[in-house]
Amino acid sequence: MNLMRSYLEYKKLTIEDINSITQIYINYYNNIENGCWTKEKACKRISQLITISDSMCLGMYKEELLIGFILGYYKQFDDLLAYFLDEIVIDTNHQNKGYGTSLIKAMEDIVKINGVTLIELSSVNDKAHIHFYKKSGFYIADNFIPMGKFLKETNI
């Protein structure tokens, strides 16, 4: 048995957990990813993911302290049930110690029991993120292309 997983606890997150999630979220994105998240915007984003229909958001606790989380939701297709992993964040003091890999494994165990046969995610296109996901068995899908469009302001 993985000793790290034996002293970690995993709990389904709810809206009541938003303050502790937000603190880790802002610290990670503003200090590691050079974001500019405010508490208001981070709470809004997290609330959207936790309260979405069929959400499955998972917290990782060490000695009753939240140290990481996954925010995502189930997606039904005609031929399978998928899980979309929207966010995974590990507290900056606990990174590069295997906690992210352990959290993904715990999430996989839960969603597999619930009938999921595919996990999807969108990742930042850099070596660190791609390496992290590949070591957990994810692959770069060649049948999907991420697309986006910024909307320009119009003078009406």
C-alpha atoms as a PDB file:
ATOM      1  CA  MET A   1       0.000   0.000   0.000  1.00  0.00           C
ATOM      2  CA  ASN A   2       1.208   3.514  -0.784  1.00  0.00           C
ATOM      3  CA  LEU A   3       2.209   4.963   2.593  1.00  0.00           C
ATOM      4  CA  MET A   4       1.419   8.524   1.479  1.00  0.00           C
ATOM      5  CA  ARG A   5      -2.181   7.607   0.652  1.00  0.00           C
ATOM      6  CA  SER A   6      -2.560   5.819   3.994  1.00  0.00           C
ATOM      7  CA  TYR A   7      -2.323   9.042   6.019  1.00  0.00           C
ATOM      8  CA  LEU A   8      -4.243  11.209   3.582  1.00  0.00           C
ATOM      9  CA  GLU A   9      -7.989  11.591   3.707  1.00  0.00           C
ATOM     10  CA  TYR A  10     -10.203  12.347   0.722  1.00  0.00           C
ATOM     11  CA  LYS A  11     -13.592  14.031   1.076  1.00  0.00           C
ATOM     12  CA  LYS A  12     -16.209  15.234  -1.368  1.00  0.00           C
ATOM     13  CA  LEU A  13     -16.142  19.031  -1.359  1.00  0.00           C
ATOM     14  CA  THR A  14     -19.248  21.167  -1.001  1.00  0.00           C
ATOM     15  CA  ILE A  15     -19.991  24.871  -1.130  1.00  0.00           C
ATOM     16  CA  GLU A  16     -19.252  25.019   2.619  1.00  0.00           C
ATOM     17  CA  ASP A  17     -15.587  24.347   1.769  1.00  0.00           C
ATOM     18  CA  ILE A  18     -15.291  27.372  -0.524  1.00  0.00           C
ATOM     19  CA  ASN A  19     -13.139  29.532   1.782  1.00  0.00           C
ATOM     20  CA  SER A  20     -10.387  26.948   2.259  1.00  0.00           C
ATOM     21  CA  ILE A  21     -10.467  26.044  -1.449  1.00  0.00           C
ATOM     22  CA  THR A  22     -10.298  29.715  -2.461  1.00  0.00           C
ATOM     23  CA  GLN A  23      -7.248  30.396  -0.310  1.00  0.00           C
ATOM     24  CA  ILE A  24      -5.254  27.568  -1.936  1.00  0.00           C
ATOM     25  CA  TYR A  25      -6.576  28.478  -5.400  1.00  0.00           C
ATOM     26  CA  ILE A  26      -5.536  32.142  -5.199  1.00  0.00           C
ATOM     27  CA  ASN A  27      -2.154  31.338  -3.660  1.00  0.00           C
ATOM     28  CA  TYR A  28      -1.342  28.814  -6.404  1.00  0.00           C
ATOM     29  CA  TYR A  29      -2.571  30.750  -9.414  1.00  0.00           C
ATOM     30  CA  ASN A  30      -1.297  34.168  -8.352  1.00  0.00           C
ATOM     31  CA  ASN A  31       2.122  33.010  -7.109  1.00  0.00           C
ATOM     32  CA  ILE A  32       2.923  30.060  -9.395  1.00  0.00           C
ATOM     33  CA  GLU A  33       0.968  30.763 -12.592  1.00  0.00           C
ATOM     34  CA  ASN A  34       1.238  34.592 -12.483  1.00  0.00           C
ATOM     35  CA  GLY A  35      -2.535  35.042 -12.272  1.00  0.00           C
ATOM     36  CA  CYS A  36      -4.429  37.996 -10.873  1.00  0.00           C
ATOM     37  CA  TRP A  37      -7.294  36.265  -9.064  1.00  0.00           C
ATOM     38  CA  THR A  38      -9.306  38.209  -6.514  1.00  0.00           C
ATOM     39  CA  LYS A  39     -11.201  36.452  -3.741  1.00  0.00           C
ATOM     40  CA  GLU A  40     -14.498  37.425  -5.372  1.00  0.00           C
ATOM     41  CA  LYS A  41     -13.570  36.000  -8.786  1.00  0.00           C
ATOM     42  CA  ALA A  42     -12.030  32.841  -7.336  1.00  0.00           C
ATOM     43  CA  CYS A  43     -15.126  32.197  -5.179  1.00  0.00           C
ATOM     44  CA  LYS A  44     -17.327  32.653  -8.238  1.00  0.00           C
ATOM     45  CA  ARG A  45     -15.248  30.196 -10.331  1.00  0.00           C
ATOM     46  CA  ILE A  46     -15.101  27.588  -7.580  1.00  0.00           C
ATOM     47  CA  SER A  47     -18.805  27.974  -6.795  1.00  0.00           C
ATOM     48  CA  GLN A  48     -19.657  27.387 -10.457  1.00  0.00           C
ATOM     49  CA  LEU A  49     -17.731  24.112 -10.468  1.00  0.00           C
ATOM     50  CA  ILE A  50     -18.932  22.812  -7.105  1.00  0.00           C
ATOM     51  CA  THR A  51     -22.604  23.529  -7.809  1.00  0.00           C
ATOM     52  CA  ILE A  52     -22.715  22.350 -11.427  1.00  0.00           C
ATOM     53  CA  SER A  53     -25.040  19.429 -12.089  1.00  0.00           C
ATOM     54  CA  ASP A  54     -23.217  16.122 -11.540  1.00  0.00           C
ATOM     55  CA  SER A  55     -20.154  17.734  -9.971  1.00  0.00           C
ATOM     56  CA  MET A  56     -17.616  15.550  -8.214  1.00  0.00           C
ATOM     57  CA  CYS A  57     -15.150  17.745  -6.369  1.00  0.00           C
ATOM     58  CA  LEU A  58     -12.632  16.052  -4.135  1.00  0.00           C
ATOM     59  CA  GLY A  59     -10.479  17.457  -1.343  1.00  0.00           C
ATOM     60  CA  MET A  60      -7.223  15.953  -0.111  1.00  0.00           C
ATOM     61  CA  TYR A  61      -6.599  16.390   3.611  1.00  0.00           C
ATOM     62  CA  LYS A  62      -3.434  15.815   5.603  1.00  0.00           C
ATOM     63  CA  GLU A  63      -3.911  15.962   9.368  1.00  0.00           C
ATOM     64  CA  GLU A  64      -7.361  17.539   8.780  1.00  0.00           C
ATOM     65  CA  LEU A  65      -5.856  20.376   6.687  1.00  0.00           C
ATOM     66  CA  LEU A  66      -6.932  20.780   3.050  1.00  0.00           C
ATOM     67  CA  ILE A  67      -3.753  20.525   0.956  1.00  0.00           C
ATOM     68  CA  GLY A  68      -5.209  19.983  -2.503  1.00  0.00           C
ATOM     69  CA  PHE A  69      -8.362  19.497  -4.503  1.00  0.00           C
ATOM     70  CA  ILE A  70      -9.890  18.431  -7.780  1.00  0.00           C
ATOM     71  CA  LEU A  71     -12.900  20.228  -9.239  1.00  0.00           C
ATOM     72  CA  GLY A  72     -14.793  18.429 -11.970  1.00  0.00           C
ATOM     73  CA  TYR A  73     -18.018  16.872 -13.103  1.00  0.00           C
ATOM     74  CA  TYR A  74     -19.546  13.862 -14.811  1.00  0.00           C
ATOM     75  CA  LYS A  75     -20.463  14.148 -18.509  1.00  0.00           C
ATOM     76  CA  GLN A  76     -22.938  11.764 -20.103  1.00  0.00           C
ATOM     77  CA  PHE A  77     -22.423  10.791 -23.749  1.00  0.00           C
ATOM     78  CA  ASP A  78     -24.458   8.421 -25.891  1.00  0.00           C
ATOM     79  CA  ASP A  79     -21.949   5.599 -25.479  1.00  0.00           C
ATOM     80  CA  LEU A  80     -20.108   6.319 -22.225  1.00  0.00           C
ATOM     81  CA  LEU A  81     -19.945   8.274 -18.994  1.00  0.00           C
ATOM     82  CA  ALA A  82     -16.959  10.612 -18.718  1.00  0.00           C
ATOM     83  CA  TYR A  83     -15.499  12.807 -16.024  1.00  0.00           C
ATOM     84  CA  PHE A  84     -14.156  16.252 -16.890  1.00  0.00           C
ATOM     85  CA  LEU A  85     -11.287  17.242 -14.614  1.00  0.00           C
ATOM     86  CA  ASP A  86     -11.554  21.021 -14.680  1.00  0.00           C
ATOM     87  CA  GLU A  87      -9.088  21.975 -11.932  1.00  0.00           C
ATOM     88  CA  ILE A  88      -6.460  20.235  -9.852  1.00  0.00           C
ATOM     89  CA  VAL A  89      -4.536  22.352  -7.366  1.00  0.00           C
ATOM     90  CA  ILE A  90      -2.066  21.312  -4.701  1.00  0.00           C
ATOM     91  CA  ASP A  91      -1.086  23.817  -2.013  1.00  0.00           C
ATOM     92  CA  THR A  92       2.261  25.375  -2.927  1.00  0.00           C
ATOM     93  CA  ASN A  93       3.876  24.048   0.284  1.00  0.00           C
ATOM     94  CA  HIS A  94       3.001  20.478  -0.719  1.00  0.00           C
ATOM     95  CA  GLN A  95       3.962  20.435  -4.403  1.00  0.00           C
ATOM     96  CA  ASN A  96       6.474  18.055  -5.999  1.00  0.00           C
ATOM     97  CA  LYS A  97       5.922  15.467  -3.260  1.00  0.00           C
ATOM     98  CA  GLY A  98       3.550  13.110  -5.091  1.00  0.00           C
ATOM     99  CA  TYR A  99       0.329  14.560  -3.693  1.00  0.00           C
ATOM    100  CA  GLY A 100      -1.054  15.532  -7.109  1.00  0.00           C
ATOM    101  CA  THR A 101      -0.488  12.035  -8.450  1.00  0.00           C
ATOM    102  CA  SER A 102      -2.105  10.561  -5.345  1.00  0.00           C
ATOM    103  CA  LEU A 103      -5.108  12.897  -5.693  1.00  0.00           C
ATOM    104  CA  ILE A 104      -5.615  11.918  -9.335  1.00  0.00           C
ATOM    105  CA  LYS A 105      -5.503   8.226  -8.365  1.00  0.00           C
ATOM    106  CA  ALA A 106      -8.104   8.773  -5.624  1.00  0.00           C
ATOM    107  CA  MET A 107     -10.350  10.621  -8.097  1.00  0.00           C
ATOM    108  CA  GLU A 108      -9.929   7.815 -10.651  1.00  0.00           C
ATOM    109  CA  ASP A 109     -10.949   5.221  -8.064  1.00  0.00           C
ATOM    110  CA  ILE A 110     -14.133   7.152  -7.219  1.00  0.00           C
ATOM    111  CA  VAL A 111     -15.254   7.927 -10.757  1.00  0.00           C
ATOM    112  CA  LYS A 112     -14.502   4.396 -11.965  1.00  0.00           C
ATOM    113  CA  ILE A 113     -16.797   2.979  -9.271  1.00  0.00           C
ATOM    114  CA  ASN A 114     -19.485   5.348 -10.584  1.00  0.00           C
ATOM    115  CA  GLY A 115     -19.201   4.011 -14.141  1.00  0.00           C
ATOM    116  CA  VAL A 116     -16.777   6.451 -15.757  1.00  0.00           C
ATOM    117  CA  THR A 117     -14.715   5.011 -18.596  1.00  0.00           C
ATOM    118  CA  LEU A 118     -13.019   8.227 -19.800  1.00  0.00           C
ATOM    119  CA  ILE A 119     -11.447  11.183 -18.006  1.00  0.00           C
ATOM    120  CA  GLU A 120     -11.048  14.382 -20.000  1.00  0.00           C
ATOM    121  CA  LEU A 121      -9.138  17.553 -19.206  1.00  0.00           C
ATOM    122  CA  SER A 122      -7.647  20.608 -20.843  1.00  0.00           C
ATOM    123  CA  SER A 123      -4.099  21.462 -19.847  1.00  0.00           C
ATOM    124  CA  VAL A 124      -1.740  24.360 -20.175  1.00  0.00           C
ATOM    125  CA  ASN A 125       0.586  23.522 -23.058  1.00  0.00           C
ATOM    126  CA  ASP A 126       3.932  23.422 -21.280  1.00  0.00           C
ATOM    127  CA  LYS A 127       6.404  20.669 -20.375  1.00  0.00           C
ATOM    128  CA  ALA A 128       5.648  20.626 -16.637  1.00  0.00           C
ATOM    129  CA  HIS A 129       1.879  20.229 -17.010  1.00  0.00           C
ATOM    130  CA  ILE A 130       2.131  17.693 -19.841  1.00  0.00           C
ATOM    131  CA  HIS A 131       4.695  15.644 -17.886  1.00  0.00           C
ATOM    132  CA  PHE A 132       2.469  15.670 -14.788  1.00  0.00           C
ATOM    133  CA  TYR A 133      -0.553  14.327 -16.666  1.00  0.00           C
ATOM    134  CA  LYS A 134       1.380  11.818 -18.792  1.00  0.00           C
ATOM    135  CA  LYS A 135       2.904  10.191 -15.700  1.00  0.00           C
ATOM    136  CA  SER A 136      -0.680   9.499 -14.547  1.00  0.00           C
ATOM    137  CA  GLY A 137      -1.493   7.820 -17.866  1.00  0.00           C
ATOM    138  CA  PHE A 138      -3.122  10.710 -19.729  1.00  0.00           C
ATOM    139  CA  TYR A 139      -2.352  11.200 -23.405  1.00  0.00           C
ATOM    140  CA  ILE A 140      -2.616  14.086 -25.830  1.00  0.00           C
ATOM    141  CA  ALA A 141      -5.843  13.449 -27.734  1.00  0.00           C
ATOM    142  CA  ASP A 142      -5.404  13.761 -31.469  1.00  0.00           C
ATOM    143  CA  ASN A 143      -9.118  13.893 -32.209  1.00  0.00           C
ATOM    144  CA  PHE A 144      -9.824  17.162 -30.358  1.00  0.00           C
ATOM    145  CA  ILE A 145      -8.500  20.653 -30.955  1.00  0.00           C
ATOM    146  CA  PRO A 146      -9.036  23.302 -28.285  1.00  0.00           C
ATOM    147  CA  MET A 147     -10.542  26.402 -29.803  1.00  0.00           C
ATOM    148  CA  GLY A 148     -11.331  29.828 -28.412  1.00  0.00           C
ATOM    149  CA  LYS A 149     -12.465  33.254 -29.460  1.00  0.00           C
ATOM    150  CA  PHE A 150     -11.999  36.551 -27.671  1.00  0.00           C
ATOM    151  CA  LEU A 151     -14.947  38.866 -28.219  1.00  0.00           C
ATOM    152  CA  LYS A 152     -14.171  42.452 -29.082  1.00  0.00           C
ATOM    153  CA  GLU A 153     -16.096  45.317 -27.585  1.00  0.00           C
ATOM    154  CA  THR A 154     -18.522  46.936 -29.975  1.00  0.00           C
ATOM    155  CA  ASN A 155     -19.662  50.523 -29.987  1.00  0.00           C
ATOM    156  CA  ILE A 156     -23.431  50.267 -30.221  1.00  0.00           C
END
